[in-house]
Amino acid sequence: MEKFGDYIKRIEIRALWGRKNIAWELRPDVNILSGVNGIGKSTILNHSVRSLGVLGPSGVIGYGPDMTEVHITFSPEDATCVRYDVIRSFDRPLLHGDLLDRMAGGNVKTELDWQLYQLQRRYLDYQVNIGNRIIEQLTSGGVEGNVQASRLSEPKRIFQDMVDDLFSETGKRILRKSNEILFEQDNDILHPHQLSSGEKQLLVILLTVLVQDGQPCVLFMDEPEVSLHVEWQQRLISLIRTLNPHVQIILTTHSPAVIMDGWQDAVTEVSDITED
């Protein structure tokens, strides 16, 4: 039986590229892997994410021609898996197929568009689940039931206020009466695929965190500062943890801006966790 952990305590990668060992002790809140391009930040992240889907009973997975091994230790240590999400930062064009065009109505042209299309479905499920729990609290009666119902709707309101504030310079506001994510701008209705790359990327991150529904979850991000306004980079970690204080952030970066606002001590250099 699967037992979900709260976060990842340690990542070990043995025989990376056939010649290096990685041992990374992780914090439960924020972990920033820093280093120059080409040093292996994305490789470490990708190996870790790939292994989470295929872990064996021992927590070890071996794959590839050089049989690189990845060992993941969770908290609590008897857990066999964790909930996790992966944010892809690069807005590359997608190769279209007939099925994708039929599913998304021709509005999915890039990787961020595809992530937003999938998140719209998760957002609808999230709202249904929250709505059912609110009804349950209201029908239970009493002042406490009303208070709990109000608390359940608070994360969605915080998310909407947060996005409105971040997009305020361009006059975009979330259309709050809609069940899906839509925006108003100068009396026009905008869909997420009509946003800029930076706006899409920020929306993907915040919407992913919202639909985690406050549960312990690991969020992997590879260079999330790509395309983001400098102010957004500086606020990114605090925004994520405001929406879900139980999320464990694991990200890579070569930009110092993303580590501002009090998270300098969460930075690990790739060279510090690598041995030949």
C-alpha atoms as a PDB file:
ATOM      1  CA  MET A   1       0.000   0.000   0.000  1.00  0.00           C
ATOM      2  CA  GLU A   2       1.258   3.479  -0.863  1.00  0.00           C
ATOM      3  CA  LYS A   3       2.088   5.740   2.040  1.00  0.00           C
ATOM      4  CA  PHE A   4       2.454   9.409   1.147  1.00  0.00           C
ATOM      5  CA  GLY A   5       5.273  11.399   2.700  1.00  0.00           C
ATOM      6  CA  ASP A   6       5.255  15.089   3.543  1.00  0.00           C
ATOM      7  CA  TYR A   7       8.456  16.028   1.742  1.00  0.00           C
ATOM      8  CA  ILE A   8      11.772  14.754   0.374  1.00  0.00           C
ATOM      9  CA  LYS A   9      14.618  14.629   2.915  1.00  0.00           C
ATOM     10  CA  ARG A  10      17.480  13.506   0.707  1.00  0.00           C
ATOM     11  CA  ILE A  11      18.292  12.907  -2.955  1.00  0.00           C
ATOM     12  CA  GLU A  12      21.230  10.694  -3.883  1.00  0.00           C
ATOM     13  CA  ILE A  13      22.315  10.123  -7.467  1.00  0.00           C
ATOM     14  CA  ARG A  14      25.103   7.644  -8.030  1.00  0.00           C
ATOM     15  CA  ALA A  15      27.198   7.314 -11.179  1.00  0.00           C
ATOM     16  CA  LEU A  16      25.784  10.467 -12.759  1.00  0.00           C
ATOM     17  CA  TRP A  17      27.344  10.586 -16.233  1.00  0.00           C
ATOM     18  CA  GLY A  18      29.151   7.453 -15.045  1.00  0.00           C
ATOM     19  CA  ARG A  19      31.584   9.425 -12.879  1.00  0.00           C
ATOM     20  CA  LYS A  20      29.891  11.655 -10.283  1.00  0.00           C
ATOM     21  CA  ASN A  21      27.884  11.080  -7.105  1.00  0.00           C
ATOM     22  CA  ILE A  22      25.298  13.562  -5.821  1.00  0.00           C
ATOM     23  CA  ALA A  23      24.146  13.736  -2.182  1.00  0.00           C
ATOM     24  CA  TRP A  24      21.690  16.560  -1.422  1.00  0.00           C
ATOM     25  CA  GLU A  25      20.149  17.052   2.004  1.00  0.00           C
ATOM     26  CA  LEU A  26      16.872  18.952   1.592  1.00  0.00           C
ATOM     27  CA  ARG A  27      14.925  21.355   3.762  1.00  0.00           C
ATOM     28  CA  PRO A  28      11.166  20.860   4.151  1.00  0.00           C
ATOM     29  CA  ASP A  29      10.374  24.358   2.855  1.00  0.00           C
ATOM     30  CA  VAL A  30      12.664  25.808   0.158  1.00  0.00           C
ATOM     31  CA  ASN A  31      15.646  24.335  -1.725  1.00  0.00           C
ATOM     32  CA  ILE A  32      17.483  26.284  -4.434  1.00  0.00           C
ATOM     33  CA  LEU A  33      20.119  24.547  -6.559  1.00  0.00           C
ATOM     34  CA  SER A  34      22.449  27.103  -8.093  1.00  0.00           C
ATOM     35  CA  GLY A  35      25.277  26.965 -10.585  1.00  0.00           C
ATOM     36  CA  VAL A  36      26.447  28.021 -14.009  1.00  0.00           C
ATOM     37  CA  ASN A  37      24.873  26.622 -17.164  1.00  0.00           C
ATOM     38  CA  GLY A  38      26.073  23.127 -18.027  1.00  0.00           C
ATOM     39  CA  ILE A  39      27.073  22.104 -14.505  1.00  0.00           C
ATOM     40  CA  GLY A  40      24.162  19.645 -14.153  1.00  0.00           C
ATOM     41  CA  LYS A  41      21.345  21.475 -12.328  1.00  0.00           C
ATOM     42  CA  SER A  42      18.603  20.421 -14.756  1.00  0.00           C
ATOM     43  CA  THR A  43      20.014  16.890 -15.024  1.00  0.00           C
ATOM     44  CA  ILE A  44      19.810  16.436 -11.253  1.00  0.00           C
ATOM     45  CA  LEU A  45      16.239  17.742 -11.219  1.00  0.00           C
ATOM     46  CA  ASN A  46      15.149  15.599 -14.174  1.00  0.00           C
ATOM     47  CA  HIS A  47      16.650  12.413 -12.733  1.00  0.00           C
ATOM     48  CA  SER A  48      14.902  13.084  -9.419  1.00  0.00           C
ATOM     49  CA  VAL A  49      11.504  13.717 -11.012  1.00  0.00           C
ATOM     50  CA  ARG A  50      11.778  10.715 -13.324  1.00  0.00           C
ATOM     51  CA  SER A  51      12.590   8.400 -10.437  1.00  0.00           C
ATOM     52  CA  LEU A  52       9.538   9.425  -8.380  1.00  0.00           C
ATOM     53  CA  GLY A  53       7.203   7.741 -10.854  1.00  0.00           C
ATOM     54  CA  VAL A  54       9.007   4.388 -10.820  1.00  0.00           C
ATOM     55  CA  LEU A  55      10.506   3.914  -7.362  1.00  0.00           C
ATOM     56  CA  GLY A  56      10.966   0.327  -6.273  1.00  0.00           C
ATOM     57  CA  PRO A  57      10.296  -1.053  -2.756  1.00  0.00           C
ATOM     58  CA  SER A  58      13.783   0.013  -1.642  1.00  0.00           C
ATOM     59  CA  GLY A  59      13.332   3.564  -2.911  1.00  0.00           C
ATOM     60  CA  VAL A  60      16.047   2.998  -5.530  1.00  0.00           C
ATOM     61  CA  ILE A  61      15.689   3.134  -9.294  1.00  0.00           C
ATOM     62  CA  GLY A  62      18.378   2.300 -11.845  1.00  0.00           C
ATOM     63  CA  TYR A  63      18.125   3.224 -15.525  1.00  0.00           C
ATOM     64  CA  GLY A  64      20.158   4.264 -18.531  1.00  0.00           C
ATOM     65  CA  PRO A  65      23.157   2.648 -20.215  1.00  0.00           C
ATOM     66  CA  ASP A  66      25.431   3.613 -17.315  1.00  0.00           C
ATOM     67  CA  MET A  67      22.872   2.410 -14.727  1.00  0.00           C
ATOM     68  CA  THR A  68      22.708   5.703 -12.875  1.00  0.00           C
ATOM     69  CA  GLU A  69      21.033   5.093  -9.510  1.00  0.00           C
ATOM     70  CA  VAL A  70      18.667   7.524  -7.813  1.00  0.00           C
ATOM     71  CA  HIS A  71      17.800   7.085  -4.152  1.00  0.00           C
ATOM     72  CA  ILE A  72      15.039   9.195  -2.584  1.00  0.00           C
ATOM     73  CA  THR A  73      14.489   9.459   1.185  1.00  0.00           C
ATOM     74  CA  PHE A  74      11.136  10.821   2.326  1.00  0.00           C
ATOM     75  CA  SER A  75       9.823  12.261   5.556  1.00  0.00           C
ATOM     76  CA  PRO A  76       8.581  10.241   7.340  1.00  0.00           C
ATOM     77  CA  GLU A  77      11.146   7.670   6.260  1.00  0.00           C
ATOM     78  CA  ASP A  78       8.636   4.820   5.976  1.00  0.00           C
ATOM     79  CA  ALA A  79       6.744   6.705   3.235  1.00  0.00           C
ATOM     80  CA  THR A  80       6.866   5.145  -0.236  1.00  0.00           C
ATOM     81  CA  CYS A  81       5.948   8.213  -2.340  1.00  0.00           C
ATOM     82  CA  VAL A  82       5.104  11.910  -2.270  1.00  0.00           C
ATOM     83  CA  ARG A  83       2.636  14.129  -4.089  1.00  0.00           C
ATOM     84  CA  TYR A  84       4.534  16.293  -6.548  1.00  0.00           C
ATOM     85  CA  ASP A  85       4.118  18.730  -9.428  1.00  0.00           C
ATOM     86  CA  VAL A  86       6.601  19.802 -12.091  1.00  0.00           C
ATOM     87  CA  ILE A  87       6.706  23.279 -13.656  1.00  0.00           C
ATOM     88  CA  ARG A  88       8.275  23.551 -17.098  1.00  0.00           C
ATOM     89  CA  SER A  89       9.490  27.100 -17.701  1.00  0.00           C
ATOM     90  CA  PHE A  90      10.321  27.212 -21.406  1.00  0.00           C
ATOM     91  CA  ASP A  91       7.535  28.243 -23.773  1.00  0.00           C
ATOM     92  CA  ARG A  92       8.580  26.085 -26.724  1.00  0.00           C
ATOM     93  CA  PRO A  93       6.246  25.491 -29.675  1.00  0.00           C
ATOM     94  CA  LEU A  94       4.395  22.162 -29.696  1.00  0.00           C
ATOM     95  CA  LEU A  95       4.112  19.859 -32.677  1.00  0.00           C
ATOM     96  CA  HIS A  96       0.380  19.671 -33.316  1.00  0.00           C
ATOM     97  CA  GLY A  97      -1.590  16.527 -33.863  1.00  0.00           C
ATOM     98  CA  ASP A  98      -5.249  16.065 -34.761  1.00  0.00           C
ATOM     99  CA  LEU A  99      -6.104  14.816 -31.265  1.00  0.00           C
ATOM    100  CA  LEU A 100      -4.507  17.813 -29.532  1.00  0.00           C
ATOM    101  CA  ASP A 101      -6.266  20.247 -31.873  1.00  0.00           C
ATOM    102  CA  ARG A 102      -9.634  18.624 -31.230  1.00  0.00           C
ATOM    103  CA  MET A 103      -9.100  18.609 -27.461  1.00  0.00           C
ATOM    104  CA  ALA A 104      -7.963  22.211 -27.118  1.00  0.00           C
ATOM    105  CA  GLY A 105      -9.750  23.911 -30.001  1.00  0.00           C
ATOM    106  CA  GLY A 106      -6.499  25.016 -31.651  1.00  0.00           C
ATOM    107  CA  ASN A 107      -5.538  27.205 -28.679  1.00  0.00           C
ATOM    108  CA  VAL A 108      -2.621  25.075 -27.471  1.00  0.00           C
ATOM    109  CA  LYS A 109       0.440  26.153 -29.414  1.00  0.00           C
ATOM    110  CA  THR A 110       3.234  26.029 -26.803  1.00  0.00           C
ATOM    111  CA  GLU A 111       4.283  23.991 -23.761  1.00  0.00           C
ATOM    112  CA  LEU A 112       2.912  26.640 -21.390  1.00  0.00           C
ATOM    113  CA  ASP A 113      -0.412  26.601 -23.272  1.00  0.00           C
ATOM    114  CA  TRP A 114      -0.578  22.833 -22.751  1.00  0.00           C
ATOM    115  CA  GLN A 115       0.172  23.155 -19.041  1.00  0.00           C
ATOM    116  CA  LEU A 116      -2.557  25.798 -18.708  1.00  0.00           C
ATOM    117  CA  TYR A 117      -5.033  23.621 -20.614  1.00  0.00           C
ATOM    118  CA  GLN A 118      -4.407  20.762 -18.185  1.00  0.00           C
ATOM    119  CA  LEU A 119      -4.568  23.094 -15.191  1.00  0.00           C
ATOM    120  CA  GLN A 120      -7.973  24.413 -16.266  1.00  0.00           C
ATOM    121  CA  ARG A 121      -9.300  20.867 -15.817  1.00  0.00           C
ATOM    122  CA  ARG A 122      -7.661  20.553 -12.391  1.00  0.00           C
ATOM    123  CA  TYR A 123      -9.037  23.967 -11.421  1.00  0.00           C
ATOM    124  CA  LEU A 124     -12.578  22.867 -12.225  1.00  0.00           C
ATOM    125  CA  ASP A 125     -12.118  19.705 -10.131  1.00  0.00           C
ATOM    126  CA  TYR A 126     -10.671  21.808  -7.304  1.00  0.00           C
ATOM    127  CA  GLN A 127     -13.711  24.097  -7.320  1.00  0.00           C
ATOM    128  CA  VAL A 128     -16.129  21.146  -7.266  1.00  0.00           C
ATOM    129  CA  ASN A 129     -14.294  19.607  -4.309  1.00  0.00           C
ATOM    130  CA  ILE A 130     -14.210  22.902  -2.408  1.00  0.00           C
ATOM    131  CA  GLY A 131     -17.884  23.522  -3.189  1.00  0.00           C
ATOM    132  CA  ASN A 132     -18.901  20.117  -1.838  1.00  0.00           C
ATOM    133  CA  ARG A 133     -16.944  20.691   1.366  1.00  0.00           C
ATOM    134  CA  ILE A 134     -18.469  24.148   1.810  1.00  0.00           C
ATOM    135  CA  ILE A 135     -21.979  22.696   1.449  1.00  0.00           C
ATOM    136  CA  GLU A 136     -21.105  20.004   3.988  1.00  0.00           C
ATOM    137  CA  GLN A 137     -19.955  22.633   6.503  1.00  0.00           C
ATOM    138  CA  LEU A 138     -22.973  24.880   5.944  1.00  0.00           C
ATOM    139  CA  THR A 139     -25.450  22.026   6.339  1.00  0.00           C
ATOM    140  CA  SER A 140     -23.763  20.953   9.571  1.00  0.00           C
ATOM    141  CA  GLY A 141     -25.217  24.139  11.078  1.00  0.00           C
ATOM    142  CA  GLY A 142     -23.948  26.471  13.748  1.00  0.00           C
ATOM    143  CA  VAL A 143     -21.463  29.302  13.790  1.00  0.00           C
ATOM    144  CA  GLU A 144     -18.462  26.968  13.533  1.00  0.00           C
ATOM    145  CA  GLY A 145     -19.792  25.448  10.304  1.00  0.00           C
ATOM    146  CA  ASN A 146     -20.141  28.904   8.759  1.00  0.00           C
ATOM    147  CA  VAL A 147     -16.622  29.850   9.839  1.00  0.00           C
ATOM    148  CA  GLN A 148     -15.139  26.669   8.350  1.00  0.00           C
ATOM    149  CA  ALA A 149     -17.059  27.213   5.088  1.00  0.00           C
ATOM    150  CA  SER A 150     -15.616  30.724   4.823  1.00  0.00           C
ATOM    151  CA  ARG A 151     -12.092  29.408   5.392  1.00  0.00           C
ATOM    152  CA  LEU A 152     -12.461  26.858   2.611  1.00  0.00           C
ATOM    153  CA  SER A 153     -13.104  29.583   0.025  1.00  0.00           C
ATOM    154  CA  GLU A 154     -10.246  31.794   1.241  1.00  0.00           C
ATOM    155  CA  PRO A 155      -7.358  30.255  -0.811  1.00  0.00           C
ATOM    156  CA  LYS A 156      -9.211  30.836  -4.095  1.00  0.00           C
ATOM    157  CA  ARG A 157      -9.872  34.469  -3.156  1.00  0.00           C
ATOM    158  CA  ILE A 158      -6.203  34.942  -2.179  1.00  0.00           C
ATOM    159  CA  PHE A 159      -5.144  33.458  -5.532  1.00  0.00           C
ATOM    160  CA  GLN A 160      -7.454  35.783  -7.470  1.00  0.00           C
ATOM    161  CA  ASP A 161      -6.318  38.871  -5.526  1.00  0.00           C
ATOM    162  CA  MET A 162      -2.693  37.830  -6.007  1.00  0.00           C
ATOM    163  CA  VAL A 163      -3.012  37.482  -9.795  1.00  0.00           C
ATOM    164  CA  ASP A 164      -4.943  40.765 -10.091  1.00  0.00           C
ATOM    165  CA  ASP A 165      -2.164  42.539  -8.198  1.00  0.00           C
ATOM    166  CA  LEU A 166       0.618  40.966 -10.281  1.00  0.00           C
ATOM    167  CA  PHE A 167      -1.104  41.796 -13.592  1.00  0.00           C
ATOM    168  CA  SER A 168      -2.297  45.249 -12.505  1.00  0.00           C
ATOM    169  CA  GLU A 169       0.178  47.190 -14.671  1.00  0.00           C
ATOM    170  CA  THR A 170      -1.513  45.888 -17.816  1.00  0.00           C
ATOM    171  CA  GLY A 171      -5.032  46.265 -16.427  1.00  0.00           C
ATOM    172  CA  LYS A 172      -5.835  42.547 -16.515  1.00  0.00           C
ATOM    173  CA  ARG A 173      -8.182  41.140 -13.871  1.00  0.00           C
ATOM    174  CA  ILE A 174      -9.481  37.620 -13.330  1.00  0.00           C
ATOM    175  CA  LEU A 175     -13.129  37.231 -14.314  1.00  0.00           C
ATOM    176  CA  ARG A 176     -14.456  36.043 -10.970  1.00  0.00           C
ATOM    177  CA  LYS A 177     -17.881  34.954 -12.155  1.00  0.00           C
ATOM    178  CA  SER A 178     -16.363  32.378 -14.521  1.00  0.00           C
ATOM    179  CA  ASN A 179     -15.732  28.751 -13.519  1.00  0.00           C
ATOM    180  CA  GLU A 180     -12.596  28.696 -15.664  1.00  0.00           C
ATOM    181  CA  ILE A 181      -9.644  31.079 -15.701  1.00  0.00           C
ATOM    182  CA  LEU A 182     -10.501  34.084 -17.888  1.00  0.00           C
ATOM    183  CA  PHE A 183      -9.358  37.708 -17.766  1.00  0.00           C
ATOM    184  CA  GLU A 184     -10.913  41.105 -18.394  1.00  0.00           C
ATOM    185  CA  GLN A 185      -8.864  43.864 -20.034  1.00  0.00           C
ATOM    186  CA  ASP A 186     -10.359  47.060 -21.456  1.00  0.00           C
ATOM    187  CA  ASN A 187     -13.794  45.395 -21.697  1.00  0.00           C
ATOM    188  CA  ASP A 188     -12.305  42.456 -23.639  1.00  0.00           C
ATOM    189  CA  ILE A 189     -12.286  38.830 -22.444  1.00  0.00           C
ATOM    190  CA  LEU A 190      -8.895  37.112 -22.632  1.00  0.00           C
ATOM    191  CA  HIS A 191      -8.121  33.393 -22.430  1.00  0.00           C
ATOM    192  CA  PRO A 192      -4.874  32.209 -20.810  1.00  0.00           C
ATOM    193  CA  HIS A 193      -3.317  31.343 -24.194  1.00  0.00           C
ATOM    194  CA  GLN A 194      -3.570  35.060 -25.090  1.00  0.00           C
ATOM    195  CA  LEU A 195      -1.260  36.127 -22.237  1.00  0.00           C
ATOM    196  CA  SER A 196       2.430  36.911 -22.597  1.00  0.00           C
ATOM    197  CA  SER A 197       4.971  34.146 -21.908  1.00  0.00           C
ATOM    198  CA  GLY A 198       5.849  35.657 -18.514  1.00  0.00           C
ATOM    199  CA  GLU A 199       2.185  35.963 -17.523  1.00  0.00           C
ATOM    200  CA  LYS A 200       1.493  32.381 -18.612  1.00  0.00           C
ATOM    201  CA  GLN A 201       4.466  31.112 -16.648  1.00  0.00           C
ATOM    202  CA  LEU A 202       3.455  32.899 -13.451  1.00  0.00           C
ATOM    203  CA  LEU A 203      -0.145  31.740 -13.853  1.00  0.00           C
ATOM    204  CA  VAL A 204       1.001  28.128 -14.329  1.00  0.00           C
ATOM    205  CA  ILE A 205       3.034  28.275 -11.108  1.00  0.00           C
ATOM    206  CA  LEU A 206       0.359  29.897  -8.930  1.00  0.00           C
ATOM    207  CA  LEU A 207      -2.511  27.816 -10.343  1.00  0.00           C
ATOM    208  CA  THR A 208      -0.526  24.611  -9.801  1.00  0.00           C
ATOM    209  CA  VAL A 209       0.020  25.565  -6.158  1.00  0.00           C
ATOM    210  CA  LEU A 210      -3.648  26.516  -5.649  1.00  0.00           C
ATOM    211  CA  VAL A 211      -5.029  23.200  -6.929  1.00  0.00           C
ATOM    212  CA  GLN A 212      -2.738  21.303  -4.540  1.00  0.00           C
ATOM    213  CA  ASP A 213      -5.501  22.268  -2.091  1.00  0.00           C
ATOM    214  CA  GLY A 214      -3.177  22.939   0.836  1.00  0.00           C
ATOM    215  CA  GLN A 215      -1.812  19.370   0.952  1.00  0.00           C
ATOM    216  CA  PRO A 216       1.873  18.576   1.499  1.00  0.00           C
ATOM    217  CA  CYS A 217       3.363  18.513  -1.983  1.00  0.00           C
ATOM    218  CA  VAL A 218       6.768  18.819  -3.639  1.00  0.00           C
ATOM    219  CA  LEU A 219       7.046  21.450  -6.388  1.00  0.00           C
ATOM    220  CA  PHE A 220       9.921  21.024  -8.860  1.00  0.00           C
ATOM    221  CA  MET A 221      10.828  24.049 -10.997  1.00  0.00           C
ATOM    222  CA  ASP A 222      13.677  24.319 -13.494  1.00  0.00           C
ATOM    223  CA  GLU A 223      14.835  27.942 -13.802  1.00  0.00           C
ATOM    224  CA  PRO A 224      11.433  29.483 -13.007  1.00  0.00           C
ATOM    225  CA  GLU A 225      12.859  32.992 -13.420  1.00  0.00           C
ATOM    226  CA  VAL A 226      12.842  32.581 -17.213  1.00  0.00           C
ATOM    227  CA  SER A 227      10.557  35.264 -18.743  1.00  0.00           C
ATOM    228  CA  LEU A 228       9.495  36.594 -15.333  1.00  0.00           C
ATOM    229  CA  HIS A 229       9.623  40.292 -14.475  1.00  0.00           C
ATOM    230  CA  VAL A 230      12.368  40.998 -11.888  1.00  0.00           C
ATOM    231  CA  GLU A 231       9.789  41.976  -9.244  1.00  0.00           C
ATOM    232  CA  TRP A 232       7.944  38.695  -9.846  1.00  0.00           C
ATOM    233  CA  GLN A 233      11.207  36.776  -9.439  1.00  0.00           C
ATOM    234  CA  GLN A 234      11.836  38.427  -6.085  1.00  0.00           C
ATOM    235  CA  ARG A 235       8.306  37.652  -4.831  1.00  0.00           C
ATOM    236  CA  LEU A 236       7.940  34.173  -6.315  1.00  0.00           C
ATOM    237  CA  ILE A 237       8.817  32.025  -3.293  1.00  0.00           C
ATOM    238  CA  SER A 238       6.729  34.055  -0.849  1.00  0.00           C
ATOM    239  CA  LEU A 239       3.764  33.965  -3.260  1.00  0.00           C
ATOM    240  CA  ILE A 240       3.961  30.170  -3.514  1.00  0.00           C
ATOM    241  CA  ARG A 241       4.208  29.663   0.233  1.00  0.00           C
ATOM    242  CA  THR A 242       1.346  32.069   0.882  1.00  0.00           C
ATOM    243  CA  LEU A 243      -0.916  29.889  -1.286  1.00  0.00           C
ATOM    244  CA  ASN A 244       0.305  26.616   0.219  1.00  0.00           C
ATOM    245  CA  PRO A 245       2.561  26.739   3.299  1.00  0.00           C
ATOM    246  CA  HIS A 246       2.919  22.930   3.132  1.00  0.00           C
ATOM    247  CA  VAL A 247       4.620  22.892  -0.272  1.00  0.00           C
ATOM    248  CA  GLN A 248       8.294  21.923  -0.496  1.00  0.00           C
ATOM    249  CA  ILE A 249       9.982  23.943  -3.243  1.00  0.00           C
ATOM    250  CA  ILE A 250      12.897  22.406  -5.173  1.00  0.00           C
ATOM    251  CA  LEU A 251      14.176  24.672  -7.932  1.00  0.00           C
ATOM    252  CA  THR A 252      17.232  25.364 -10.037  1.00  0.00           C
ATOM    253  CA  THR A 253      18.494  28.791 -11.006  1.00  0.00           C
ATOM    254  CA  HIS A 254      21.503  30.732 -12.191  1.00  0.00           C
ATOM    255  CA  SER A 255      19.812  34.050 -11.374  1.00  0.00           C
ATOM    256  CA  PRO A 256      20.398  35.599  -7.943  1.00  0.00           C
ATOM    257  CA  ALA A 257      17.127  37.578  -8.140  1.00  0.00           C
ATOM    258  CA  VAL A 258      14.991  34.527  -7.402  1.00  0.00           C
ATOM    259  CA  ILE A 259      16.722  33.961  -4.029  1.00  0.00           C
ATOM    260  CA  MET A 260      16.062  37.424  -2.630  1.00  0.00           C
ATOM    261  CA  ASP A 261      13.565  38.210   0.099  1.00  0.00           C
ATOM    262  CA  GLY A 262      15.208  36.160   2.824  1.00  0.00           C
ATOM    263  CA  TRP A 263      15.976  32.813   1.146  1.00  0.00           C
ATOM    264  CA  GLN A 264      19.735  33.127   0.658  1.00  0.00           C
ATOM    265  CA  ASP A 265      20.374  30.379   3.237  1.00  0.00           C
ATOM    266  CA  ALA A 266      18.287  27.942   1.164  1.00  0.00           C
ATOM    267  CA  VAL A 267      20.795  28.022  -1.720  1.00  0.00           C
ATOM    268  CA  THR A 268      22.995  25.002  -2.477  1.00  0.00           C
ATOM    269  CA  GLU A 269      25.758  25.077  -5.079  1.00  0.00           C
ATOM    270  CA  VAL A 270      25.959  22.014  -7.320  1.00  0.00           C
ATOM    271  CA  SER A 271      29.686  21.730  -6.558  1.00  0.00           C
ATOM    272  CA  ASP A 272      28.904  21.420  -2.828  1.00  0.00           C
ATOM    273  CA  ILE A 273      26.848  18.221  -3.273  1.00  0.00           C
ATOM    274  CA  THR A 274      29.018  16.574  -5.947  1.00  0.00           C
ATOM    275  CA  GLU A 275      31.874  14.092  -5.548  1.00  0.00           C
ATOM    276  CA  ASP A 276      33.912  12.431  -8.277  1.00  0.00           C
END
